[in-house]
Amino acid sequence: MKRFSSIKKNSEFQKVYRSGTSYANRLLVMYVMRSGRSDTRIGISVSKKVGNSVVRHRVTRLIREIFRLHKSETDSGLDIIVTARPAARESDFKKMESAYMHLCGLHNIRKESK
């Protein structure tokens, strides 16, 4: 399985929180910052308010899979942090995907369809 680069260090998270722009909907909050790198990195934050560890890991896996499937549709050279809200606990894949793509549209990071 091919891995993609992700944001792991707290200092990198803080940099995106401070310098990036954010938009939110009912399920997710997305912070985006131009990084100057050639690839796009993602950081996922799911707090204990969302649920126990099983629920939090399920939400994390859903977000990671949505990012993987739509990576080719988004601009490159970005640092993206996705934070799950407690309402994400009950949502399924389609609702999470719709929320993610809605936030990508608000940030204008979707490539133009040609």
N, C-alpha and C. Protein backbone atom coordinates (compact mmCIF):
# COMPACT_ATOMS: atom_id res chain seq x y z
N MET A 1 0.84 -1.18 0.00
CA MET A 1 0.00 0.00 0.00
C MET A 1 0.88 1.24 0.00
N LYS A 2 0.63 2.13 -0.94
CA LYS A 2 1.42 3.35 -1.04
C LYS A 2 0.93 4.36 -0.02
N ARG A 3 1.85 4.91 0.75
CA ARG A 3 1.51 5.90 1.77
C ARG A 3 1.65 7.30 1.19
N PHE A 4 0.90 8.23 1.74
CA PHE A 4 1.06 9.62 1.36
C PHE A 4 1.54 10.39 2.57
N SER A 5 2.16 11.52 2.30
CA SER A 5 2.74 12.27 3.40
C SER A 5 1.64 12.95 4.21
N SER A 6 1.84 12.96 5.52
CA SER A 6 0.85 13.56 6.40
C SER A 6 1.54 14.49 7.39
N ILE A 7 0.74 15.33 8.02
CA ILE A 7 1.24 16.25 9.04
C ILE A 7 1.15 15.52 10.36
N LYS A 8 2.27 15.42 11.06
CA LYS A 8 2.29 14.67 12.31
C LYS A 8 2.76 15.48 13.51
N LYS A 9 3.65 16.44 13.28
CA LYS A 9 4.22 17.19 14.39
C LYS A 9 3.28 18.29 14.87
N ASN A 10 3.24 18.49 16.17
CA ASN A 10 2.40 19.51 16.76
C ASN A 10 2.76 20.90 16.22
N SER A 11 4.05 21.16 16.02
CA SER A 11 4.46 22.47 15.52
C SER A 11 3.92 22.72 14.12
N GLU A 12 3.84 21.67 13.29
CA GLU A 12 3.28 21.82 11.95
C GLU A 12 1.78 22.08 12.00
N PHE A 13 1.09 21.39 12.92
CA PHE A 13 -0.34 21.64 13.12
C PHE A 13 -0.56 23.09 13.54
N GLN A 14 0.22 23.57 14.50
CA GLN A 14 0.07 24.93 15.01
C GLN A 14 0.33 25.97 13.92
N LYS A 15 1.29 25.69 13.07
CA LYS A 15 1.61 26.61 11.97
C LYS A 15 0.42 26.76 11.02
N VAL A 16 -0.22 25.65 10.69
CA VAL A 16 -1.38 25.69 9.81
C VAL A 16 -2.56 26.37 10.51
N TYR A 17 -2.76 26.08 11.80
CA TYR A 17 -3.85 26.71 12.55
C TYR A 17 -3.69 28.23 12.57
N ARG A 18 -2.46 28.70 12.76
CA ARG A 18 -2.21 30.15 12.86
C ARG A 18 -2.24 30.83 11.49
N SER A 19 -1.63 30.23 10.48
CA SER A 19 -1.43 30.91 9.20
C SER A 19 -2.46 30.55 8.14
N GLY A 20 -3.16 29.46 8.32
CA GLY A 20 -4.09 29.01 7.30
C GLY A 20 -5.46 29.63 7.43
N THR A 21 -6.28 29.39 6.42
CA THR A 21 -7.67 29.83 6.46
C THR A 21 -8.54 28.65 6.83
N SER A 22 -9.69 28.93 7.46
CA SER A 22 -10.55 27.83 7.88
C SER A 22 -11.99 28.07 7.46
N TYR A 23 -12.64 26.98 7.13
CA TYR A 23 -14.08 26.95 6.88
C TYR A 23 -14.62 25.73 7.57
N ALA A 24 -15.90 25.78 7.93
CA ALA A 24 -16.49 24.66 8.66
C ALA A 24 -17.90 24.39 8.16
N ASN A 25 -18.33 23.17 8.36
CA ASN A 25 -19.73 22.82 8.18
C ASN A 25 -20.13 21.96 9.38
N ARG A 26 -21.25 21.28 9.28
CA ARG A 26 -21.78 20.56 10.44
C ARG A 26 -20.89 19.41 10.88
N LEU A 27 -20.16 18.80 9.95
CA LEU A 27 -19.38 17.61 10.28
C LEU A 27 -17.88 17.86 10.44
N LEU A 28 -17.33 18.80 9.66
CA LEU A 28 -15.88 18.96 9.61
C LEU A 28 -15.48 20.43 9.68
N VAL A 29 -14.25 20.65 10.11
CA VAL A 29 -13.59 21.95 10.01
C VAL A 29 -12.32 21.71 9.20
N MET A 30 -12.06 22.56 8.20
CA MET A 30 -10.88 22.39 7.35
C MET A 30 -10.03 23.64 7.38
N TYR A 31 -8.75 23.45 7.69
CA TYR A 31 -7.75 24.52 7.65
C TYR A 31 -6.84 24.23 6.45
N VAL A 32 -6.58 25.25 5.64
CA VAL A 32 -5.74 25.08 4.46
C VAL A 32 -4.69 26.17 4.42
N MET A 33 -3.45 25.77 4.10
CA MET A 33 -2.35 26.71 3.97
C MET A 33 -1.46 26.27 2.81
N ARG A 34 -1.02 27.20 2.01
CA ARG A 34 -0.05 26.90 0.95
C ARG A 34 1.29 26.59 1.61
N SER A 35 1.91 25.49 1.21
CA SER A 35 3.13 25.06 1.90
C SER A 35 4.40 25.28 1.09
N GLY A 36 4.28 25.40 -0.22
CA GLY A 36 5.47 25.52 -1.04
C GLY A 36 6.11 24.19 -1.38
N ARG A 37 5.52 23.11 -0.90
CA ARG A 37 6.01 21.77 -1.24
C ARG A 37 5.37 21.32 -2.54
N SER A 38 5.88 20.23 -3.08
CA SER A 38 5.32 19.74 -4.34
C SER A 38 4.09 18.87 -4.11
N ASP A 39 3.96 18.29 -2.92
CA ASP A 39 2.84 17.41 -2.65
C ASP A 39 1.89 18.05 -1.64
N THR A 40 0.72 17.45 -1.51
CA THR A 40 -0.27 17.91 -0.55
C THR A 40 -0.24 16.99 0.66
N ARG A 41 -0.18 17.58 1.84
CA ARG A 41 -0.17 16.80 3.07
C ARG A 41 -1.49 17.01 3.81
N ILE A 42 -1.89 15.99 4.57
CA ILE A 42 -3.11 16.08 5.36
C ILE A 42 -2.80 15.75 6.81
N GLY A 43 -3.47 16.46 7.70
CA GLY A 43 -3.44 16.16 9.12
C GLY A 43 -4.86 15.98 9.58
N ILE A 44 -5.12 14.98 10.39
CA ILE A 44 -6.48 14.68 10.83
C ILE A 44 -6.52 14.76 12.35
N SER A 45 -7.49 15.51 12.85
CA SER A 45 -7.65 15.68 14.29
C SER A 45 -9.07 15.28 14.67
N VAL A 46 -9.16 14.29 15.56
CA VAL A 46 -10.47 13.84 16.06
C VAL A 46 -10.38 13.79 17.57
N SER A 47 -11.12 14.66 18.25
CA SER A 47 -11.01 14.75 19.70
C SER A 47 -11.88 13.71 20.40
N LYS A 48 -11.72 13.61 21.70
CA LYS A 48 -12.49 12.66 22.49
C LYS A 48 -13.96 13.01 22.55
N LYS A 49 -14.31 14.23 22.19
CA LYS A 49 -15.72 14.62 22.15
C LYS A 49 -16.49 13.85 21.09
N VAL A 50 -15.78 13.35 20.08
CA VAL A 50 -16.42 12.61 19.00
C VAL A 50 -16.85 11.22 19.47
N GLY A 51 -16.07 10.59 20.32
CA GLY A 51 -16.42 9.26 20.82
C GLY A 51 -15.22 8.53 21.37
N ASN A 52 -15.41 7.24 21.62
CA ASN A 52 -14.30 6.45 22.14
C ASN A 52 -13.30 6.15 21.02
N SER A 53 -12.26 5.41 21.32
CA SER A 53 -11.17 5.23 20.36
C SER A 53 -11.62 4.51 19.09
N VAL A 54 -12.55 3.59 19.22
CA VAL A 54 -13.03 2.87 18.04
C VAL A 54 -13.73 3.84 17.09
N VAL A 55 -14.56 4.69 17.62
CA VAL A 55 -15.29 5.68 16.81
C VAL A 55 -14.32 6.68 16.21
N ARG A 56 -13.37 7.16 17.01
CA ARG A 56 -12.40 8.14 16.51
C ARG A 56 -11.56 7.58 15.38
N HIS A 57 -11.12 6.33 15.50
CA HIS A 57 -10.31 5.72 14.44
C HIS A 57 -11.14 5.48 13.19
N ARG A 58 -12.42 5.14 13.35
CA ARG A 58 -13.29 4.96 12.19
C ARG A 58 -13.43 6.28 11.43
N VAL A 59 -13.65 7.37 12.15
CA VAL A 59 -13.77 8.68 11.51
C VAL A 59 -12.46 9.06 10.83
N THR A 60 -11.34 8.77 11.49
CA THR A 60 -10.03 9.05 10.90
C THR A 60 -9.83 8.27 9.60
N ARG A 61 -10.19 7.02 9.60
CA ARG A 61 -10.05 6.20 8.39
C ARG A 61 -10.94 6.70 7.26
N LEU A 62 -12.14 7.13 7.61
CA LEU A 62 -13.04 7.67 6.58
C LEU A 62 -12.44 8.92 5.94
N ILE A 63 -11.94 9.84 6.77
CA ILE A 63 -11.36 11.08 6.25
C ILE A 63 -10.13 10.78 5.40
N ARG A 64 -9.28 9.87 5.86
CA ARG A 64 -8.08 9.52 5.11
C ARG A 64 -8.43 8.91 3.75
N GLU A 65 -9.46 8.07 3.71
CA GLU A 65 -9.88 7.45 2.45
C GLU A 65 -10.49 8.49 1.50
N ILE A 66 -11.28 9.40 2.04
CA ILE A 66 -11.86 10.47 1.21
C ILE A 66 -10.74 11.32 0.61
N PHE A 67 -9.73 11.65 1.42
CA PHE A 67 -8.59 12.42 0.92
C PHE A 67 -7.87 11.65 -0.18
N ARG A 68 -7.67 10.35 0.01
CA ARG A 68 -6.97 9.54 -0.98
C ARG A 68 -7.73 9.49 -2.30
N LEU A 69 -9.05 9.32 -2.23
CA LEU A 69 -9.85 9.21 -3.44
C LEU A 69 -9.92 10.53 -4.21
N HIS A 70 -9.88 11.65 -3.51
CA HIS A 70 -10.04 12.95 -4.15
C HIS A 70 -8.75 13.75 -4.24
N LYS A 71 -7.62 13.12 -3.98
CA LYS A 71 -6.34 13.83 -4.01
C LYS A 71 -6.04 14.38 -5.40
N SER A 72 -6.40 13.64 -6.43
CA SER A 72 -6.12 14.09 -7.80
C SER A 72 -7.01 15.27 -8.20
N GLU A 73 -8.12 15.49 -7.49
CA GLU A 73 -9.04 16.58 -7.82
C GLU A 73 -8.68 17.88 -7.11
N THR A 74 -7.74 17.85 -6.17
CA THR A 74 -7.38 19.05 -5.42
C THR A 74 -6.01 19.57 -5.86
N ASP A 75 -5.78 20.84 -5.61
CA ASP A 75 -4.51 21.46 -5.95
C ASP A 75 -3.38 20.80 -5.16
N SER A 76 -2.14 20.94 -5.67
CA SER A 76 -0.99 20.40 -4.96
C SER A 76 -0.27 21.53 -4.24
N GLY A 77 0.61 21.17 -3.32
CA GLY A 77 1.37 22.16 -2.57
C GLY A 77 0.61 22.74 -1.40
N LEU A 78 -0.29 21.95 -0.82
CA LEU A 78 -1.10 22.44 0.29
C LEU A 78 -0.84 21.63 1.55
N ASP A 79 -1.06 22.27 2.69
CA ASP A 79 -1.16 21.58 3.97
C ASP A 79 -2.62 21.70 4.39
N ILE A 80 -3.28 20.57 4.57
CA ILE A 80 -4.70 20.54 4.93
C ILE A 80 -4.84 19.86 6.28
N ILE A 81 -5.57 20.49 7.18
CA ILE A 81 -5.92 19.86 8.44
C ILE A 81 -7.43 19.74 8.49
N VAL A 82 -7.91 18.53 8.74
CA VAL A 82 -9.33 18.28 8.85
C VAL A 82 -9.62 17.89 10.30
N THR A 83 -10.52 18.63 10.93
CA THR A 83 -10.92 18.36 12.30
C THR A 83 -12.37 17.89 12.28
N ALA A 84 -12.62 16.74 12.90
CA ALA A 84 -13.97 16.19 12.93
C ALA A 84 -14.75 16.78 14.10
N ARG A 85 -15.99 17.10 13.84
CA ARG A 85 -16.89 17.59 14.88
C ARG A 85 -17.68 16.41 15.44
N PRO A 86 -18.27 16.57 16.64
CA PRO A 86 -19.01 15.45 17.24
C PRO A 86 -20.13 14.88 16.37
N ALA A 87 -20.69 15.68 15.49
CA ALA A 87 -21.75 15.17 14.60
C ALA A 87 -21.24 14.14 13.61
N ALA A 88 -19.93 14.08 13.41
CA ALA A 88 -19.35 13.11 12.48
C ALA A 88 -19.47 11.68 13.00
N ARG A 89 -19.77 11.53 14.27
CA ARG A 89 -19.88 10.21 14.89
C ARG A 89 -20.93 9.35 14.18
N GLU A 90 -22.09 9.94 13.85
CA GLU A 90 -23.19 9.16 13.27
C GLU A 90 -23.20 9.15 11.75
N SER A 91 -22.32 9.91 11.13
CA SER A 91 -22.41 10.03 9.67
C SER A 91 -21.73 8.86 8.95
N ASP A 92 -22.20 8.62 7.74
CA ASP A 92 -21.64 7.55 6.93
C ASP A 92 -20.66 8.14 5.92
N PHE A 93 -20.13 7.29 5.04
CA PHE A 93 -19.10 7.70 4.09
C PHE A 93 -19.60 8.79 3.16
N LYS A 94 -20.80 8.63 2.62
CA LYS A 94 -21.32 9.59 1.64
C LYS A 94 -21.50 10.98 2.25
N LYS A 95 -21.99 11.05 3.48
CA LYS A 95 -22.17 12.34 4.14
C LYS A 95 -20.82 13.00 4.42
N MET A 96 -19.85 12.20 4.87
CA MET A 96 -18.52 12.74 5.14
C MET A 96 -17.86 13.21 3.85
N GLU A 97 -18.01 12.45 2.79
CA GLU A 97 -17.44 12.82 1.50
C GLU A 97 -18.05 14.12 0.99
N SER A 98 -19.36 14.24 1.13
CA SER A 98 -20.05 15.45 0.71
C SER A 98 -19.57 16.65 1.52
N ALA A 99 -19.40 16.49 2.83
CA ALA A 99 -18.91 17.58 3.69
C ALA A 99 -17.49 17.97 3.31
N TYR A 100 -16.64 16.98 3.03
CA TYR A 100 -15.25 17.24 2.65
C TYR A 100 -15.19 18.02 1.33
N MET A 101 -15.95 17.59 0.34
CA MET A 101 -15.93 18.25 -0.96
C MET A 101 -16.55 19.65 -0.88
N HIS A 102 -17.54 19.83 -0.02
CA HIS A 102 -18.11 21.16 0.20
C HIS A 102 -17.04 22.11 0.72
N LEU A 103 -16.24 21.66 1.68
CA LEU A 103 -15.18 22.50 2.25
C LEU A 103 -14.07 22.76 1.22
N CYS A 104 -13.77 21.77 0.40
CA CYS A 104 -12.78 21.98 -0.67
C CYS A 104 -13.27 23.06 -1.62
N GLY A 105 -14.56 23.07 -1.91
CA GLY A 105 -15.12 24.09 -2.77
C GLY A 105 -15.06 25.47 -2.14
N LEU A 106 -15.32 25.56 -0.84
CA LEU A 106 -15.25 26.85 -0.15
C LEU A 106 -13.83 27.41 -0.15
N HIS A 107 -12.84 26.53 -0.03
CA HIS A 107 -11.44 26.95 -0.03
C HIS A 107 -10.90 27.20 -1.43
N ASN A 108 -11.67 26.86 -2.45
CA ASN A 108 -11.24 26.98 -3.85
C ASN A 108 -9.95 26.19 -4.13
N ILE A 109 -9.89 24.98 -3.62
CA ILE A 109 -8.70 24.15 -3.86
C ILE A 109 -9.01 23.00 -4.83
N ARG A 110 -10.22 22.97 -5.36
CA ARG A 110 -10.56 21.94 -6.34
C ARG A 110 -10.07 22.38 -7.71
N LYS A 111 -9.46 21.44 -8.43
CA LYS A 111 -9.02 21.73 -9.79
C LYS A 111 -10.25 21.89 -10.66
N GLU A 112 -10.13 22.76 -11.64
CA GLU A 112 -11.24 22.98 -12.57
C GLU A 112 -11.43 21.75 -13.43
N SER A 113 -12.66 21.32 -13.56
CA SER A 113 -12.94 20.15 -14.42
C SER A 113 -12.87 20.60 -15.88
N LYS A 114 -12.13 19.83 -16.66
CA LYS A 114 -11.91 20.19 -18.06
C LYS A 114 -12.46 19.14 -18.98
